[in-house]
Amino acid sequence: MTKELNPKTHYYDFGGPLGAFAMIVGLPILELFLASCCDPTGYPSQELFADWRGFLQSRFTISHLMRLFDFGAFFVYCGFVGLLALFYKVLPGEDVYGTLMRDKTRHKYRLNGFISYVAILLVALCFLKSAGLWSLQYVYSRFTELAFASIVFSYAISFFVYINSFNSNKLLALGGNSGNLIYDFMIGRELNPHIGSFDIKFFTELRPGLIGWLFINYCLAAKQFINLGYITNSMVLVQFLQSWYVIDALWHEKAVLTTMDITTDGLGFMLAFGLYSWVPFNYTLQARYLVDFPRTISWLEFGVILFINSLGYYIFRSSNSQKNEFRENPTSKSSKQLEYIETKLGSKLITSGWWGMSRHINYLGDWLMALAWSLPCGFGSIIPYFYPIYFAILLIHRERRDDHKCRTKYGVDWEKYCNTVQYRIIPGIY
């Protein structure tokens, strides 16, 4: 590729190389802390409060971390990802083209995420018929080892795509060609890494993280049933709300093709670790907490939580659908009613409907759902609320990144747009 197509990156995000190094080292440690330092005595463990120095030293020495590498757990994790990769290649699905790349090409994507979920669910049911429900306790009892296996796998994928990005004729991400090894490794150097026709980034985006999240959840619900002889209504609510979210994302898989992850960001450690490890092993904190501290909630509380989630889902799905409809079919009846600003580059920025309320109204809906998933856990610990707290920080940072990108791209047109749509995420507040 020419230097015009792959220009040098002259700016850093996430605190530059130092921030990138902190993420590469610190995030896996944080994940292992949440996996290994929460137990039936407390979230975090009561042992941590009794002797925090000795407790942490016993779990984060090199020898202990080496013992976490369990061949059985690694085989289970790789087998799960491998089966999803097989389904991605062989199962039928709609073939669609993504957005136009700056090298004037369009990638073709196979949309079969929902079918892959159904297929692996059927495989799991066949396994249960012979192995029995008790076998699902393995995920709870080997949770830390499985999390460690996913971290090792994430590093392996990250090194592979980084090294492979130096082959000829690679289209690089505009933000990942700084020349600094640590930063480019973290942020992602190549925009769309492939193995033959296998699109690694598109496969990574929804399947191992989201489907893995649900299957870990299901195993944790089975563990609660084995412990109690029933499943609490709080666990049922968590399972339902999170399953709805993931299945909805898989059903609307096409919508991911216009996100920053696909169109702008390269595949590096940030995405690989986030989707192979962080999502399935941290987003299941609520279900794991309810195994160790089961709760039965009142039906009033149940209804309030369901309402908050439904409101969030309505905002999230309606706003995204409105934007996608405007992009794909701008002459439709609903799209023609929307007001917009047309930039000098020809892009149209919506200034009415959902997108007249705030520039990222979908983020508000997404966060309300995240909050609803934690509320069934009560307020005995802040740990189950790790996800909505972290997610709020992530969404604010993502909005700032998007603002910088659009301000650079559209210039004065973006200023005009921001003067029209003044709020970033929360109408009237932020």
Foldseek 3Di string as FASTA:
>chain_A
DDCVLAPAADDAPCVHLVSLVCCLPVVLVVLLCQLPQVDLCHRRHPVCVVPVVVVVCVCPDPVNLVVLQDVVLLCVLVVQLVLLLVCLPPPQADWDWFDQAPVRDTAIGGQCQLVSLVVVVVVVVVVCVPPNLVVLCCCVVSVSSNLSSLSVVLVVVLVVQLVVCPDPPFRFFNNQRNVDVSRNQRFATGQFDDDVSRTVLLSLQQHQQLSLQLSSLVSLQSLLCVVPVDGAVLSVLLNVLSVVVNSVCSVVVVLCSPDCSRRHTHDHSNSSCCRRRVRNSQVSSQSNLCSSVPDHDDVVLVVVLVVLLVVLVCQQVVVSVLVVCCVPPCPDPSNVVWDWDQFPVRDTHTCDDSCVQAVCQNLVSVLSSLVSSQPSSPPPDCSSVVVSVVSVVVVVSVLVVVLVVCCVVRPVSSVVSCVRRVHHHHGPPD
